[in-house]
Amino acid sequence: MITSYVEFRSQVSPSMAILLWGCMVILVGASFLVLVDPGAGAAERFAVVLISALMVPGLLWYRFYTLYRLTETHLLIRSGPMSKSIRLDEIISVKPDRNYSSSPALSFDRFLIRYRQYDRISISPDERGEFLKELAARAPHLVWEDSYLVSLG
């Protein structure tokens, strides 16, 4: 019996964690420096603090809310404020990917999911093997090939 949904968090690579936390430290540091700088004007202070006040929560949201949910019929992808829904029966293949392009993934150890005819998205579930097993159970048109999933048709 398949449960209604199962959720997987994104794997977080050390380089991505350093990048995200580093950006947040720089933003907070810049805000602090501009606030204590007696030569900084009000507009300059406002701009730097506003940018930091918007960016830091966004980066935290992205860091702690990138996840993948498998329902009985869909793969739901969430990454901060962004979301994507892919019907399981539209998935053509799920194969390893080391692409560095932008995607809802916090690691460069990814799966490239091909769906529909030309659409692609890369994700990085933390429990890679469990993710593939759960996807195979929910999408019977996908079969195992060299420990990854491809469509029968």
N, C-alpha and C. Protein backbone atom coordinates (compact mmCIF):
# COMPACT_ATOMS: atom_id res chain seq x y z
N MET A 1 0.85 -1.19 0.00
CA MET A 1 0.00 0.00 0.00
C MET A 1 0.88 1.24 0.00
N ILE A 2 0.63 2.14 -0.90
CA ILE A 2 1.39 3.38 -1.01
C ILE A 2 0.74 4.42 -0.11
N THR A 3 1.56 5.06 0.71
CA THR A 3 1.02 6.15 1.53
C THR A 3 0.69 7.32 0.62
N SER A 4 -0.09 8.26 1.10
CA SER A 4 -0.53 9.36 0.25
C SER A 4 0.62 10.19 -0.31
N TYR A 5 1.66 10.40 0.50
CA TYR A 5 2.85 11.07 -0.03
C TYR A 5 4.05 10.74 0.84
N VAL A 6 5.22 10.92 0.23
CA VAL A 6 6.48 10.78 0.95
C VAL A 6 7.35 11.97 0.55
N GLU A 7 8.09 12.50 1.51
CA GLU A 7 8.84 13.73 1.28
C GLU A 7 10.34 13.48 1.46
N PHE A 8 11.12 14.09 0.59
CA PHE A 8 12.57 14.00 0.63
C PHE A 8 13.15 15.40 0.67
N ARG A 9 14.05 15.64 1.57
CA ARG A 9 14.78 16.91 1.63
C ARG A 9 15.88 16.89 0.59
N SER A 10 16.35 18.07 0.22
CA SER A 10 17.46 18.17 -0.71
C SER A 10 18.77 17.85 0.00
N GLN A 11 19.61 17.12 -0.68
CA GLN A 11 20.97 16.92 -0.20
C GLN A 11 21.67 18.28 -0.25
N VAL A 12 22.51 18.58 0.72
CA VAL A 12 23.23 19.85 0.74
C VAL A 12 24.72 19.57 0.66
N SER A 13 25.33 19.97 -0.44
CA SER A 13 26.78 19.75 -0.59
C SER A 13 27.52 20.79 0.24
N PRO A 14 28.73 20.45 0.70
CA PRO A 14 29.51 21.42 1.48
C PRO A 14 29.75 22.73 0.73
N SER A 15 30.02 22.66 -0.57
CA SER A 15 30.28 23.89 -1.32
C SER A 15 29.04 24.77 -1.39
N MET A 16 27.86 24.17 -1.53
CA MET A 16 26.63 24.95 -1.58
C MET A 16 26.33 25.55 -0.21
N ALA A 17 26.57 24.79 0.85
CA ALA A 17 26.35 25.31 2.21
C ALA A 17 27.27 26.50 2.46
N ILE A 18 28.54 26.40 2.08
CA ILE A 18 29.49 27.50 2.26
C ILE A 18 29.04 28.72 1.45
N LEU A 19 28.59 28.50 0.24
CA LEU A 19 28.12 29.60 -0.61
C LEU A 19 26.92 30.31 0.02
N LEU A 20 25.92 29.54 0.45
CA LEU A 20 24.72 30.14 1.03
C LEU A 20 25.03 30.88 2.33
N TRP A 21 25.73 30.21 3.26
CA TRP A 21 26.04 30.84 4.55
C TRP A 21 27.00 32.01 4.35
N GLY A 22 27.93 31.89 3.42
CA GLY A 22 28.86 32.98 3.13
C GLY A 22 28.13 34.22 2.63
N CYS A 23 27.17 34.02 1.74
CA CYS A 23 26.37 35.16 1.25
C CYS A 23 25.62 35.83 2.38
N MET A 24 25.06 35.02 3.27
CA MET A 24 24.31 35.60 4.39
C MET A 24 25.23 36.37 5.33
N VAL A 25 26.42 35.85 5.60
CA VAL A 25 27.38 36.55 6.47
C VAL A 25 27.80 37.87 5.83
N ILE A 26 28.05 37.86 4.53
CA ILE A 26 28.45 39.08 3.83
C ILE A 26 27.32 40.11 3.88
N LEU A 27 26.08 39.68 3.66
CA LEU A 27 24.95 40.62 3.70
C LEU A 27 24.76 41.22 5.09
N VAL A 28 24.82 40.39 6.11
CA VAL A 28 24.66 40.90 7.48
C VAL A 28 25.85 41.79 7.85
N GLY A 29 27.06 41.38 7.45
CA GLY A 29 28.25 42.19 7.72
C GLY A 29 28.19 43.54 7.03
N ALA A 30 27.75 43.55 5.78
CA ALA A 30 27.63 44.81 5.06
C ALA A 30 26.61 45.73 5.72
N SER A 31 25.53 45.17 6.20
CA SER A 31 24.52 45.98 6.91
C SER A 31 25.12 46.58 8.17
N PHE A 32 25.82 45.76 8.92
CA PHE A 32 26.43 46.24 10.15
C PHE A 32 27.44 47.36 9.87
N LEU A 33 28.29 47.12 8.85
CA LEU A 33 29.33 48.12 8.54
C LEU A 33 28.73 49.45 8.08
N VAL A 34 27.69 49.38 7.26
CA VAL A 34 27.09 50.63 6.79
C VAL A 34 26.34 51.35 7.91
N LEU A 35 25.80 50.60 8.86
CA LEU A 35 25.10 51.22 9.98
C LEU A 35 26.05 51.91 10.96
N VAL A 36 27.27 51.38 11.13
CA VAL A 36 28.22 52.00 12.06
C VAL A 36 29.14 53.01 11.38
N ASP A 37 29.07 53.11 10.07
CA ASP A 37 29.91 54.06 9.34
C ASP A 37 29.32 55.47 9.47
N PRO A 38 30.04 56.37 10.14
CA PRO A 38 29.49 57.72 10.31
C PRO A 38 29.36 58.49 9.00
N GLY A 39 30.09 58.09 7.97
CA GLY A 39 30.03 58.79 6.69
C GLY A 39 28.93 58.28 5.77
N ALA A 40 28.25 57.22 6.15
CA ALA A 40 27.20 56.67 5.30
C ALA A 40 25.94 57.52 5.38
N GLY A 41 25.37 57.79 4.23
CA GLY A 41 24.15 58.58 4.19
C GLY A 41 22.92 57.72 4.50
N ALA A 42 21.82 58.36 4.75
CA ALA A 42 20.58 57.66 5.09
C ALA A 42 20.10 56.77 3.95
N ALA A 43 20.21 57.26 2.71
CA ALA A 43 19.76 56.47 1.56
C ALA A 43 20.63 55.23 1.39
N GLU A 44 21.93 55.39 1.60
CA GLU A 44 22.86 54.27 1.49
C GLU A 44 22.55 53.22 2.57
N ARG A 45 22.36 53.67 3.78
CA ARG A 45 22.02 52.76 4.88
C ARG A 45 20.72 52.02 4.59
N PHE A 46 19.72 52.78 4.18
CA PHE A 46 18.42 52.18 3.88
C PHE A 46 18.54 51.11 2.80
N ALA A 47 19.26 51.41 1.73
CA ALA A 47 19.39 50.48 0.60
C ALA A 47 20.08 49.19 1.03
N VAL A 48 21.20 49.31 1.74
CA VAL A 48 21.96 48.11 2.15
C VAL A 48 21.15 47.27 3.13
N VAL A 49 20.54 47.91 4.10
CA VAL A 49 19.75 47.16 5.08
C VAL A 49 18.52 46.52 4.42
N LEU A 50 17.87 47.23 3.51
CA LEU A 50 16.72 46.68 2.82
C LEU A 50 17.10 45.45 2.00
N ILE A 51 18.17 45.56 1.25
CA ILE A 51 18.63 44.42 0.44
C ILE A 51 18.94 43.22 1.33
N SER A 52 19.65 43.46 2.42
CA SER A 52 19.96 42.36 3.35
C SER A 52 18.71 41.78 3.99
N ALA A 53 17.80 42.67 4.38
CA ALA A 53 16.56 42.23 5.03
C ALA A 53 15.71 41.37 4.10
N LEU A 54 15.83 41.57 2.80
CA LEU A 54 15.09 40.76 1.84
C LEU A 54 15.85 39.50 1.43
N MET A 55 17.16 39.62 1.28
CA MET A 55 17.97 38.51 0.78
C MET A 55 18.21 37.41 1.83
N VAL A 56 18.52 37.78 3.05
CA VAL A 56 18.85 36.77 4.07
C VAL A 56 17.67 35.83 4.32
N PRO A 57 16.45 36.33 4.56
CA PRO A 57 15.34 35.38 4.73
C PRO A 57 15.09 34.52 3.48
N GLY A 58 15.29 35.11 2.30
CA GLY A 58 15.14 34.35 1.06
C GLY A 58 16.14 33.22 0.96
N LEU A 59 17.39 33.49 1.31
CA LEU A 59 18.42 32.45 1.29
C LEU A 59 18.13 31.37 2.33
N LEU A 60 17.66 31.78 3.51
CA LEU A 60 17.30 30.80 4.54
C LEU A 60 16.12 29.93 4.07
N TRP A 61 15.14 30.57 3.42
CA TRP A 61 13.99 29.84 2.89
C TRP A 61 14.45 28.82 1.86
N TYR A 62 15.31 29.23 0.96
CA TYR A 62 15.85 28.33 -0.06
C TYR A 62 16.62 27.19 0.59
N ARG A 63 17.45 27.52 1.59
CA ARG A 63 18.28 26.50 2.25
C ARG A 63 17.46 25.45 3.00
N PHE A 64 16.45 25.89 3.74
CA PHE A 64 15.72 24.97 4.60
C PHE A 64 14.40 24.49 4.02
N TYR A 65 14.02 24.97 2.85
CA TYR A 65 12.76 24.55 2.27
C TYR A 65 12.92 24.18 0.80
N THR A 66 13.94 23.37 0.53
CA THR A 66 14.07 22.75 -0.79
C THR A 66 13.79 21.27 -0.56
N LEU A 67 12.66 20.81 -1.12
CA LEU A 67 12.24 19.43 -0.87
C LEU A 67 11.47 18.89 -2.07
N TYR A 68 11.31 17.57 -2.05
CA TYR A 68 10.65 16.87 -3.15
C TYR A 68 9.62 15.94 -2.53
N ARG A 69 8.39 16.06 -2.98
CA ARG A 69 7.30 15.25 -2.44
C ARG A 69 6.72 14.38 -3.55
N LEU A 70 6.68 13.08 -3.29
CA LEU A 70 6.05 12.15 -4.22
C LEU A 70 4.66 11.82 -3.70
N THR A 71 3.64 12.15 -4.50
CA THR A 71 2.28 11.76 -4.18
C THR A 71 1.94 10.55 -5.04
N GLU A 72 0.71 10.13 -5.02
CA GLU A 72 0.33 8.98 -5.83
C GLU A 72 0.38 9.29 -7.32
N THR A 73 0.29 10.57 -7.69
CA THR A 73 0.24 10.93 -9.11
C THR A 73 1.26 11.98 -9.56
N HIS A 74 1.92 12.66 -8.60
CA HIS A 74 2.79 13.77 -8.96
C HIS A 74 4.10 13.78 -8.18
N LEU A 75 5.10 14.41 -8.78
CA LEU A 75 6.31 14.81 -8.09
C LEU A 75 6.19 16.31 -7.88
N LEU A 76 6.15 16.72 -6.62
CA LEU A 76 6.05 18.14 -6.29
C LEU A 76 7.42 18.61 -5.82
N ILE A 77 7.90 19.67 -6.43
CA ILE A 77 9.23 20.20 -6.12
C ILE A 77 9.05 21.58 -5.52
N ARG A 78 9.64 21.78 -4.35
CA ARG A 78 9.59 23.09 -3.67
C ARG A 78 11.01 23.55 -3.42
N SER A 79 11.25 24.80 -3.69
CA SER A 79 12.55 25.40 -3.42
C SER A 79 12.33 26.85 -3.06
N GLY A 80 12.29 27.11 -1.75
CA GLY A 80 11.96 28.45 -1.30
C GLY A 80 10.58 28.82 -1.80
N PRO A 81 10.44 29.97 -2.44
CA PRO A 81 9.12 30.40 -2.90
C PRO A 81 8.67 29.74 -4.21
N MET A 82 9.56 28.98 -4.84
CA MET A 82 9.24 28.38 -6.13
C MET A 82 8.68 26.97 -5.95
N SER A 83 7.77 26.59 -6.82
CA SER A 83 7.25 25.22 -6.79
C SER A 83 6.98 24.74 -8.21
N LYS A 84 7.03 23.43 -8.37
CA LYS A 84 6.81 22.80 -9.67
C LYS A 84 6.11 21.48 -9.42
N SER A 85 5.18 21.14 -10.28
CA SER A 85 4.45 19.88 -10.18
C SER A 85 4.61 19.12 -11.49
N ILE A 86 5.04 17.86 -11.40
CA ILE A 86 5.24 17.02 -12.59
C ILE A 86 4.41 15.75 -12.41
N ARG A 87 3.57 15.46 -13.37
CA ARG A 87 2.80 14.21 -13.31
C ARG A 87 3.76 13.03 -13.47
N LEU A 88 3.60 12.02 -12.62
CA LEU A 88 4.50 10.87 -12.66
C LEU A 88 4.43 10.15 -14.00
N ASP A 89 3.26 10.09 -14.61
CA ASP A 89 3.13 9.38 -15.88
C ASP A 89 3.78 10.12 -17.04
N GLU A 90 4.24 11.36 -16.82
CA GLU A 90 4.94 12.12 -17.87
C GLU A 90 6.47 11.97 -17.77
N ILE A 91 6.95 11.33 -16.71
CA ILE A 91 8.40 11.18 -16.53
C ILE A 91 8.93 10.15 -17.52
N ILE A 92 9.99 10.54 -18.24
CA ILE A 92 10.62 9.69 -19.24
C ILE A 92 11.83 8.97 -18.66
N SER A 93 12.63 9.68 -17.86
CA SER A 93 13.80 9.05 -17.26
C SER A 93 14.28 9.85 -16.05
N VAL A 94 15.00 9.14 -15.18
CA VAL A 94 15.63 9.74 -14.00
C VAL A 94 17.05 9.18 -13.97
N LYS A 95 18.01 10.02 -14.29
CA LYS A 95 19.41 9.58 -14.40
C LYS A 95 20.32 10.53 -13.64
N PRO A 96 21.52 10.07 -13.29
CA PRO A 96 22.45 10.96 -12.56
C PRO A 96 22.86 12.15 -13.40
N ASP A 97 23.16 13.24 -12.71
CA ASP A 97 23.48 14.50 -13.40
C ASP A 97 24.46 15.27 -12.52
N ARG A 98 25.47 15.86 -13.11
CA ARG A 98 26.42 16.70 -12.39
C ARG A 98 26.44 18.10 -13.00
N ASN A 99 25.33 18.52 -13.57
CA ASN A 99 25.22 19.82 -14.21
C ASN A 99 25.22 20.92 -13.16
N TYR A 100 25.91 22.01 -13.43
CA TYR A 100 26.01 23.12 -12.48
C TYR A 100 25.01 24.23 -12.78
N SER A 101 24.05 23.97 -13.66
CA SER A 101 23.07 25.01 -13.98
C SER A 101 22.11 25.20 -12.81
N SER A 102 21.41 26.30 -12.85
CA SER A 102 20.45 26.62 -11.80
C SER A 102 19.35 25.56 -11.75
N SER A 103 19.01 25.14 -10.55
CA SER A 103 17.96 24.15 -10.37
C SER A 103 17.53 24.13 -8.92
N PRO A 104 16.40 23.50 -8.61
CA PRO A 104 15.96 23.40 -7.22
C PRO A 104 16.70 22.27 -6.51
N ALA A 105 18.01 22.45 -6.37
CA ALA A 105 18.88 21.43 -5.77
C ALA A 105 19.98 22.14 -5.00
N LEU A 106 20.31 21.61 -3.83
CA LEU A 106 21.36 22.20 -2.99
C LEU A 106 22.63 21.37 -3.02
N SER A 107 22.76 20.55 -4.03
CA SER A 107 23.95 19.73 -4.22
C SER A 107 24.20 19.60 -5.72
N PHE A 108 25.44 19.32 -6.07
CA PHE A 108 25.74 19.08 -7.48
C PHE A 108 25.67 17.60 -7.81
N ASP A 109 25.31 16.76 -6.84
CA ASP A 109 25.09 15.34 -7.03
C ASP A 109 23.58 15.18 -7.25
N ARG A 110 23.16 15.22 -8.51
CA ARG A 110 21.75 15.40 -8.84
C ARG A 110 21.21 14.27 -9.71
N PHE A 111 19.89 14.27 -9.81
CA PHE A 111 19.20 13.46 -10.82
C PHE A 111 18.64 14.42 -11.85
N LEU A 112 18.81 14.08 -13.11
CA LEU A 112 18.17 14.81 -14.19
C LEU A 112 16.87 14.08 -14.52
N ILE A 113 15.77 14.75 -14.33
CA ILE A 113 14.47 14.17 -14.63
C ILE A 113 14.00 14.73 -15.96
N ARG A 114 13.83 13.83 -16.93
CA ARG A 114 13.26 14.22 -18.22
C ARG A 114 11.78 13.87 -18.18
N TYR A 115 10.95 14.83 -18.58
CA TYR A 115 9.51 14.61 -18.59
C TYR A 115 8.90 15.32 -19.78
N ARG A 116 7.70 14.89 -20.11
CA ARG A 116 7.07 15.29 -21.36
C ARG A 116 8.07 15.03 -22.47
N GLN A 117 8.07 15.78 -23.54
CA GLN A 117 9.01 15.47 -24.62
C GLN A 117 10.34 16.20 -24.45
N TYR A 118 10.30 17.47 -24.06
CA TYR A 118 11.53 18.25 -24.04
C TYR A 118 11.87 18.86 -22.68
N ASP A 119 11.07 18.64 -21.66
CA ASP A 119 11.29 19.30 -20.38
C ASP A 119 12.26 18.51 -19.51
N ARG A 120 13.06 19.26 -18.74
CA ARG A 120 14.06 18.66 -17.85
C ARG A 120 14.15 19.50 -16.58
N ILE A 121 14.49 18.82 -15.48
CA ILE A 121 14.75 19.50 -14.23
C ILE A 121 15.71 18.63 -13.42
N SER A 122 16.61 19.27 -12.70
CA SER A 122 17.56 18.55 -11.86
C SER A 122 17.17 18.73 -10.40
N ILE A 123 17.21 17.62 -9.65
CA ILE A 123 16.93 17.65 -8.22
C ILE A 123 18.00 16.86 -7.48
N SER A 124 18.10 17.06 -6.17
CA SER A 124 19.13 16.36 -5.39
C SER A 124 18.56 15.81 -4.09
N PRO A 125 17.72 14.76 -4.17
CA PRO A 125 17.18 14.21 -2.92
C PRO A 125 18.29 13.64 -2.05
N ASP A 126 18.15 13.85 -0.74
CA ASP A 126 19.16 13.39 0.21
C ASP A 126 19.25 11.86 0.23
N GLU A 127 18.14 11.19 0.25
CA GLU A 127 18.11 9.73 0.27
C GLU A 127 17.86 9.24 -1.15
N ARG A 128 18.92 9.23 -1.94
CA ARG A 128 18.81 8.97 -3.38
C ARG A 128 18.20 7.60 -3.70
N GLY A 129 18.68 6.56 -3.05
CA GLY A 129 18.18 5.22 -3.31
C GLY A 129 16.71 5.08 -2.93
N GLU A 130 16.34 5.60 -1.77
CA GLU A 130 14.95 5.55 -1.32
C GLU A 130 14.05 6.34 -2.27
N PHE A 131 14.55 7.48 -2.75
CA PHE A 131 13.76 8.29 -3.68
C PHE A 131 13.46 7.47 -4.94
N LEU A 132 14.48 6.83 -5.51
CA LEU A 132 14.28 6.04 -6.72
C LEU A 132 13.33 4.87 -6.47
N LYS A 133 13.47 4.18 -5.35
CA LYS A 133 12.57 3.05 -5.03
C LYS A 133 11.13 3.52 -4.90
N GLU A 134 10.94 4.63 -4.22
CA GLU A 134 9.59 5.16 -4.02
C GLU A 134 8.99 5.63 -5.35
N LEU A 135 9.79 6.27 -6.18
CA LEU A 135 9.32 6.71 -7.49
C LEU A 135 8.95 5.51 -8.36
N ALA A 136 9.78 4.47 -8.35
CA ALA A 136 9.49 3.27 -9.15
C ALA A 136 8.19 2.61 -8.68
N ALA A 137 7.92 2.63 -7.38
CA ALA A 137 6.68 2.04 -6.85
C ALA A 137 5.45 2.83 -7.28
N ARG A 138 5.62 4.13 -7.44
CA ARG A 138 4.49 5.00 -7.77
C ARG A 138 4.33 5.22 -9.28
N ALA A 139 5.35 4.91 -10.04
CA ALA A 139 5.30 5.11 -11.50
C ALA A 139 5.67 3.79 -12.19
N PRO A 140 4.71 2.90 -12.34
CA PRO A 140 5.01 1.56 -12.88
C PRO A 140 5.53 1.55 -14.32
N HIS A 141 5.37 2.66 -15.04
CA HIS A 141 5.90 2.71 -16.41
C HIS A 141 7.41 2.90 -16.43
N LEU A 142 8.00 3.21 -15.27
CA LEU A 142 9.46 3.36 -15.18
C LEU A 142 10.07 2.04 -14.76
N VAL A 143 11.15 1.66 -15.43
CA VAL A 143 11.83 0.40 -15.12
C VAL A 143 13.29 0.70 -14.78
N TRP A 144 13.89 -0.23 -14.06
CA TRP A 144 15.29 -0.08 -13.65
C TRP A 144 16.21 -0.38 -14.83
N GLU A 145 17.17 0.50 -15.05
CA GLU A 145 18.20 0.28 -16.06
C GLU A 145 19.52 0.82 -15.48
N ASP A 146 20.47 -0.05 -15.24
CA ASP A 146 21.75 0.34 -14.64
C ASP A 146 21.55 1.14 -13.36
N SER A 147 20.65 0.72 -12.52
CA SER A 147 20.31 1.31 -11.21
C SER A 147 19.67 2.70 -11.29
N TYR A 148 19.13 3.05 -12.47
CA TYR A 148 18.37 4.27 -12.63
C TYR A 148 17.08 3.94 -13.35
N LEU A 149 16.21 4.92 -13.48
CA LEU A 149 14.86 4.65 -14.02
C LEU A 149 14.67 5.25 -15.41
N VAL A 150 14.07 4.44 -16.28
CA VAL A 150 13.70 4.91 -17.62
C VAL A 150 12.30 4.40 -17.96
N SER A 151 11.66 5.08 -18.87
CA SER A 151 10.30 4.72 -19.27
C SER A 151 10.31 3.52 -20.20
N LEU A 152 9.27 2.69 -20.08
CA LEU A 152 9.10 1.55 -20.96
C LEU A 152 8.80 1.98 -22.39
N GLY A 153 8.05 3.07 -22.52
CA GLY A 153 7.59 3.48 -23.84
C GLY A 153 8.10 4.74 -24.26
